[in-house]
Amino acid sequence: MHLKGKKILVTGGAGFLGGYVVEKLLARGVAKKDIFIPRSKTADLRDYKACVKAVKGKDIVIHLAAKVGGIGVNREKPGEFFYDNLTMGVHLMEAARNAGVEKFVAVGTICAYPKHAPVPFMEDALWHGYPEETNAPYGLAKKMLLVQAQAYRTQYNFNAIYLLPVNLYGPKDNFDPNSYHVIPALIKKVADAKKGRKKFITAWGTGKATREFLYVEDAAEAIVLATEKYEKSDPVNLGSGTEISIKNLVKAVCKVMDFKGEVKWDATKPDGQPRRLLDVTRAEREFGFTAKTDFMEGLKKTALWYTSLK
């Protein structure tokens, strides 16, 4: 599918990942006037009528909008995370189908995977167990987009695809303590400690859990490649194919930020899912995506962006 000349709706296009996706679309020759970004203040996508209005006259929908956050806010607001994410996706895809949209790109989450899925996570393991409890409502709500996409392809021949990005990071990430994820949380803690001349930081959990991270610009490239080239019902992982423990992640953040203080672990806080590592062979095979950004280099860019704001 050639994107130039297409009218493209990018929900969440003003957000962290969305901003990079829009940049990639512009670089492909998509005219700025042909990219539409609904804003939550004027278009509540939990409302079906708002979705109908948003998709009218569009050729492609890239659905990135979501209520997201780290372990803390997921535990505090599981009902909101389930309802808001489920209703946005269900209404938007139904509205897109009725409007005759050519292609719907649904972006899910690694939180959809079972808590104890075999590592590396393969797409076929998505239904082999219940997600990690702290973010299960969010993960299941987003996973329903896969069910909907496959059902609509079967019954209506609707061209919907489903992508599963791993944890993202990079410049312009969310550094709000009420909803940030682990990398921005650690960068902010180290920056605050250095500014306050503190000799330690406190990290959540035991440090034993592992995570995989994908630089946000790489994730945006993967989404646009899939929009251009992928036409199947099978879900596709988007990741870097590398794994790091939270303990080593903390060391890496301290290293790139030149912080030599102590790290104290608060084991009363949850670790979350024990391990996260994706099998990324399907994305490479189906639409030629492989992550390009070295993790330490991406971490440096993220930390530098944040500290430059201060």
Protein backbone atom coordinates (compact mmCIF):
# COMPACT_ATOMS: atom_id res chain seq x y z
CA MET A 1 0.00 0.00 0.00
CA HIS A 2 1.44 3.36 -1.04
CA LEU A 3 0.75 5.91 1.67
CA LYS A 4 1.29 9.06 -0.34
CA GLY A 5 -2.07 10.58 -1.22
CA LYS A 6 -3.92 8.62 1.49
CA LYS A 7 -5.92 10.34 4.18
CA ILE A 8 -4.64 8.91 7.45
CA LEU A 9 -6.17 9.14 10.92
CA VAL A 10 -3.58 8.73 13.68
CA THR A 11 -5.26 8.44 17.07
CA GLY A 12 -2.79 9.37 19.78
CA GLY A 13 -0.84 11.23 17.10
CA ALA A 14 0.04 14.01 19.52
CA GLY A 15 1.45 11.54 22.04
CA PHE A 16 4.87 10.00 22.60
CA LEU A 17 4.80 7.25 19.97
CA GLY A 18 2.28 9.07 17.79
CA GLY A 19 4.55 12.05 17.20
CA TYR A 20 7.24 9.77 15.78
CA VAL A 21 4.73 7.89 13.62
CA VAL A 22 3.55 11.19 12.14
CA GLU A 23 7.19 12.13 11.39
CA LYS A 24 7.68 8.81 9.58
CA LEU A 25 4.50 9.36 7.54
CA LEU A 26 5.66 12.81 6.50
CA ALA A 27 9.03 11.37 5.51
CA ARG A 28 7.17 8.88 3.27
CA GLY A 29 5.68 11.81 1.36
CA VAL A 30 2.29 11.90 3.08
CA ALA A 31 1.07 15.50 3.01
CA LYS A 32 0.60 17.18 6.38
CA LYS A 33 -2.95 18.09 5.38
CA ASP A 34 -3.71 14.39 4.89
CA ILE A 35 -2.77 13.40 8.46
CA PHE A 36 -5.56 13.82 11.00
CA ILE A 37 -4.96 13.74 14.75
CA PRO A 38 -8.07 13.74 16.95
CA ARG A 39 -7.54 15.38 20.33
CA SER A 40 -9.19 14.06 23.48
CA LYS A 41 -10.61 17.48 24.39
CA THR A 42 -12.73 17.59 21.24
CA ALA A 43 -13.00 13.90 20.27
CA ASP A 44 -13.72 11.43 23.07
CA LEU A 45 -13.06 8.12 21.30
CA ARG A 46 -14.99 6.25 23.99
CA ASP A 47 -18.07 7.77 22.30
CA TYR A 48 -19.13 5.96 19.13
CA LYS A 49 -20.43 9.16 17.53
CA ALA A 50 -17.03 10.80 18.00
CA CYS A 51 -15.40 7.80 16.31
CA VAL A 52 -17.82 8.03 13.37
CA LYS A 53 -16.88 11.66 12.91
CA ALA A 54 -13.16 10.95 13.23
CA VAL A 55 -13.02 8.19 10.58
CA LYS A 56 -15.25 9.88 8.01
CA GLY A 57 -13.43 10.24 4.70
CA LYS A 58 -10.27 8.51 5.90
CA ASP A 59 -8.43 5.79 4.00
CA ILE A 60 -6.28 4.45 6.84
CA VAL A 61 -6.65 4.42 10.63
CA ILE A 62 -3.58 3.92 12.83
CA HIS A 63 -4.93 3.45 16.34
CA LEU A 64 -2.32 4.41 18.93
CA ALA A 65 -4.51 6.20 21.47
CA ALA A 66 -4.60 4.47 24.84
CA LYS A 67 -4.80 5.07 28.54
CA VAL A 68 -1.37 3.86 29.65
CA GLY A 69 0.91 3.94 32.67
CA GLY A 70 3.28 1.97 34.84
CA ILE A 71 2.54 -0.69 37.43
CA GLY A 72 1.42 1.82 40.08
CA VAL A 73 -1.35 3.52 38.14
CA ASN A 74 -2.46 0.19 36.62
CA ARG A 75 -3.03 -1.12 40.14
CA GLU A 76 -4.88 2.04 41.19
CA LYS A 77 -7.20 2.34 38.18
CA PRO A 78 -7.79 -1.10 36.65
CA GLY A 79 -11.42 -0.32 35.85
CA GLU A 80 -10.57 2.85 33.94
CA PHE A 81 -7.74 1.15 32.08
CA PHE A 82 -10.06 -1.68 31.03
CA TYR A 83 -13.09 0.39 30.07
CA ASP A 84 -11.36 3.27 28.33
CA ASN A 85 -9.05 1.12 26.22
CA LEU A 86 -11.73 -1.42 25.34
CA THR A 87 -14.38 1.08 24.31
CA MET A 88 -11.98 3.23 22.27
CA GLY A 89 -10.84 0.26 20.24
CA VAL A 90 -14.22 -1.39 19.77
CA HIS A 91 -15.98 1.81 18.72
CA LEU A 92 -13.20 3.03 16.45
CA MET A 93 -12.85 -0.22 14.51
CA GLU A 94 -16.61 -0.57 14.09
CA ALA A 95 -16.88 3.02 12.88
CA ALA A 96 -13.96 2.46 10.48
CA ARG A 97 -15.57 -0.67 9.06
CA ASN A 98 -18.87 1.11 8.49
CA ALA A 99 -17.07 4.05 6.88
CA GLY A 100 -15.29 1.84 4.36
CA VAL A 101 -11.78 2.54 5.66
CA GLU A 102 -9.19 0.65 3.56
CA LYS A 103 -6.94 -0.42 6.42
CA PHE A 104 -7.02 -0.39 10.22
CA VAL A 105 -3.76 -0.70 12.14
CA ALA A 106 -4.41 -1.72 15.75
CA VAL A 107 -1.48 -1.28 18.12
CA GLY A 108 -1.72 -3.52 21.16
CA THR A 109 0.67 -4.14 24.04
CA ILE A 110 3.12 -6.71 25.38
CA CYS A 111 0.93 -6.72 28.52
CA ALA A 112 -1.46 -8.94 26.56
CA TYR A 113 0.90 -11.91 26.95
CA PRO A 114 0.38 -14.54 29.67
CA LYS A 115 2.34 -13.97 32.86
CA HIS A 116 4.38 -17.14 32.37
CA ALA A 117 4.57 -17.29 28.58
CA PRO A 118 7.62 -19.23 27.32
CA VAL A 119 10.53 -16.89 26.62
CA PRO A 120 10.98 -15.52 24.01
CA PHE A 121 7.28 -14.71 23.62
CA MET A 122 5.95 -16.03 20.32
CA GLU A 123 2.70 -14.67 18.94
CA ASP A 124 1.13 -18.13 19.08
CA ALA A 125 1.47 -18.10 22.89
CA LEU A 126 -0.88 -15.13 23.35
CA TRP A 127 -3.76 -17.28 24.58
CA HIS A 128 -1.79 -19.76 26.68
CA GLY A 129 -2.55 -18.22 30.08
CA TYR A 130 -3.68 -15.13 31.99
CA PRO A 131 -1.67 -11.87 31.85
CA GLU A 132 0.39 -10.56 34.77
CA GLU A 133 -2.18 -9.42 37.35
CA THR A 134 -1.00 -5.84 37.86
CA ASN A 135 -1.78 -4.86 34.27
CA ALA A 136 -4.16 -7.62 33.15
CA PRO A 137 -7.22 -5.33 32.69
CA TYR A 138 -5.23 -3.08 30.36
CA GLY A 139 -3.61 -5.99 28.53
CA LEU A 140 -6.88 -7.83 28.01
CA ALA A 141 -8.70 -4.71 26.83
CA LYS A 142 -6.03 -4.14 24.18
CA LYS A 143 -6.01 -7.85 23.25
CA MET A 144 -9.69 -7.62 22.37
CA LEU A 145 -8.60 -5.51 19.39
CA LEU A 146 -6.97 -8.65 18.02
CA VAL A 147 -10.17 -10.63 18.48
CA GLN A 148 -12.17 -7.87 16.81
CA ALA A 149 -9.69 -7.49 13.93
CA GLN A 150 -9.72 -11.21 13.18
CA ALA A 151 -13.52 -11.47 13.50
CA TYR A 152 -14.04 -8.48 11.19
CA ARG A 153 -11.60 -9.87 8.62
CA THR A 154 -13.47 -13.21 8.66
CA GLN A 155 -17.01 -11.82 8.44
CA TYR A 156 -16.59 -8.51 6.61
CA ASN A 157 -13.23 -8.95 4.82
CA PHE A 158 -12.12 -5.86 6.73
CA ASN A 159 -8.38 -5.21 6.41
CA ALA A 160 -7.32 -4.89 10.06
CA ILE A 161 -3.88 -5.83 11.41
CA TYR A 162 -2.65 -6.13 14.99
CA LEU A 163 0.82 -5.20 16.26
CA LEU A 164 2.35 -5.95 19.68
CA PRO A 165 5.08 -3.47 20.65
CA VAL A 166 7.32 -4.14 23.62
CA ASN A 167 8.10 -1.42 26.22
CA LEU A 168 9.09 1.79 24.43
CA TYR A 169 11.53 4.50 25.46
CA GLY A 170 13.14 7.60 23.98
CA PRO A 171 13.11 11.40 23.93
CA LYS A 172 9.67 12.96 24.62
CA ASP A 173 8.68 10.00 26.81
CA ASN A 174 6.23 10.50 29.67
CA PHE A 175 8.06 11.62 32.83
CA ASP A 176 4.95 12.22 34.95
CA PRO A 177 5.41 10.35 38.27
CA ASN A 178 1.70 9.51 38.30
CA SER A 179 1.90 7.42 35.13
CA TYR A 180 5.48 6.97 33.91
CA HIS A 181 7.11 3.66 32.99
CA VAL A 182 10.38 2.25 34.30
CA ILE A 183 12.98 4.02 32.14
CA PRO A 184 11.63 7.56 32.58
CA ALA A 185 11.02 6.78 36.26
CA LEU A 186 14.67 5.83 36.77
CA ILE A 187 16.01 8.75 34.73
CA LYS A 188 13.90 11.18 36.75
CA LYS A 189 14.96 9.62 40.07
CA VAL A 190 18.64 9.88 39.15
CA ALA A 191 18.26 13.44 37.86
CA ASP A 192 16.45 14.47 41.05
CA ALA A 193 19.06 12.77 43.22
CA LYS A 194 21.90 14.55 41.44
CA LYS A 195 20.12 17.89 41.67
CA GLY A 196 19.39 17.37 45.38
CA ARG A 197 22.88 15.96 46.00
CA LYS A 198 21.39 12.78 47.43
CA LYS A 199 23.61 9.74 47.84
CA PHE A 200 21.03 7.11 46.83
CA ILE A 201 17.94 6.35 44.79
CA THR A 202 15.16 3.87 45.55
CA ALA A 203 14.07 1.42 42.87
CA TRP A 204 10.92 -0.72 42.87
CA GLY A 205 10.94 -4.48 43.43
CA THR A 206 13.92 -6.81 43.64
CA GLY A 207 15.63 -6.01 40.35
CA LYS A 208 15.32 -9.63 39.21
CA ALA A 209 12.59 -9.12 36.62
CA THR A 210 13.68 -8.64 33.02
CA ARG A 211 12.39 -6.37 30.29
CA GLU A 212 12.89 -5.75 26.60
CA PHE A 213 12.90 -2.20 25.29
CA LEU A 214 12.40 -0.75 21.83
CA TYR A 215 13.54 2.76 20.92
CA VAL A 216 10.49 4.80 20.01
CA GLU A 217 11.73 5.86 16.59
CA ASP A 218 12.31 2.20 15.69
CA ALA A 219 8.78 1.38 16.87
CA ALA A 220 7.35 4.14 14.67
CA GLU A 221 9.25 2.79 11.66
CA ALA A 222 7.88 -0.70 12.35
CA ILE A 223 4.29 0.57 12.50
CA VAL A 224 4.61 2.47 9.23
CA LEU A 225 6.27 -0.50 7.52
CA ALA A 226 3.41 -2.74 8.67
CA THR A 227 0.90 -0.18 7.42
CA GLU A 228 2.55 -0.30 4.00
CA LYS A 229 3.30 -4.01 3.71
CA TYR A 230 1.40 -6.27 6.14
CA GLU A 231 -2.03 -7.62 5.20
CA LYS A 232 -2.58 -10.71 7.39
CA SER A 233 -4.72 -11.53 10.43
CA ASP A 234 -1.87 -12.94 12.55
CA PRO A 235 -0.56 -10.65 15.33
CA VAL A 236 3.02 -9.40 15.01
CA ASN A 237 5.55 -8.64 17.75
CA LEU A 238 7.55 -5.41 17.53
CA GLY A 239 10.70 -5.51 19.63
CA SER A 240 14.47 -5.36 19.73
CA GLY A 241 15.01 -9.02 20.58
CA THR A 242 17.23 -8.17 23.58
CA GLU A 243 16.57 -8.64 27.30
CA ILE A 244 17.90 -6.80 30.35
CA SER A 245 17.23 -7.25 34.07
CA ILE A 246 15.85 -4.29 35.99
CA LYS A 247 18.97 -4.44 38.17
CA ASN A 248 21.21 -4.03 35.11
CA LEU A 249 18.87 -1.40 33.70
CA VAL A 250 19.35 0.68 36.86
CA LYS A 251 23.12 0.30 36.49
CA ALA A 252 22.89 1.40 32.85
CA VAL A 253 20.86 4.51 33.71
CA CYS A 254 23.31 5.41 36.48
CA LYS A 255 26.20 4.94 34.07
CA VAL A 256 24.86 7.14 31.26
CA MET A 257 23.93 9.82 33.82
CA ASP A 258 27.21 9.54 35.76
CA PHE A 259 25.50 8.82 39.09
CA LYS A 260 27.72 7.02 41.57
CA GLY A 261 25.30 6.83 44.49
CA GLU A 262 23.74 3.78 46.11
CA VAL A 263 20.65 1.95 44.78
CA LYS A 264 18.17 0.83 47.45
CA TRP A 265 15.56 -1.75 46.47
CA ASP A 266 12.00 -1.50 47.81
CA ALA A 267 10.94 -5.16 47.75
CA THR A 268 7.46 -4.22 49.03
CA LYS A 269 6.76 -2.95 45.51
CA PRO A 270 5.88 -5.47 42.78
CA ASP A 271 8.30 -6.68 40.12
CA GLY A 272 5.51 -7.14 37.60
CA GLN A 273 5.87 -9.84 34.94
CA PRO A 274 8.94 -12.02 35.70
CA ARG A 275 10.42 -11.87 32.19
CA ARG A 276 9.69 -10.08 28.93
CA LEU A 277 11.43 -10.91 25.68
CA LEU A 278 9.79 -11.15 22.29
CA ASP A 279 10.44 -13.41 19.35
CA VAL A 280 10.76 -10.81 16.58
CA THR A 281 11.24 -13.07 13.56
CA ARG A 282 7.72 -12.57 12.17
CA ALA A 283 8.13 -8.79 11.81
CA GLU A 284 11.40 -9.25 9.93
CA ARG A 285 9.97 -11.95 7.70
CA GLU A 286 6.65 -10.25 6.91
CA PHE A 287 7.66 -6.61 6.46
CA GLY A 288 11.42 -6.38 6.90
CA PHE A 289 11.59 -4.74 10.32
CA THR A 290 14.61 -5.02 12.59
CA ALA A 291 15.45 -2.59 15.39
CA LYS A 292 18.39 -0.32 14.58
CA THR A 293 19.08 1.68 17.76
CA ASP A 294 21.70 0.45 20.24
CA PHE A 295 20.14 0.34 23.72
CA MET A 296 22.84 2.34 25.53
CA GLU A 297 22.83 4.96 22.77
CA GLY A 298 19.05 5.25 22.98
CA LEU A 299 19.28 5.52 26.76
CA LYS A 300 21.80 8.35 26.48
CA LYS A 301 19.57 10.25 24.05
CA THR A 302 16.58 9.82 26.37
CA ALA A 303 18.45 10.98 29.48
CA LEU A 304 20.01 13.91 27.62
CA TRP A 305 16.63 15.02 26.31
CA TYR A 306 15.13 14.96 29.81
CA THR A 307 18.03 16.72 31.55
CA SER A 308 18.15 19.37 28.82
CA LEU A 309 14.64 20.46 29.85
CA LYS A 310 15.82 21.32 33.35
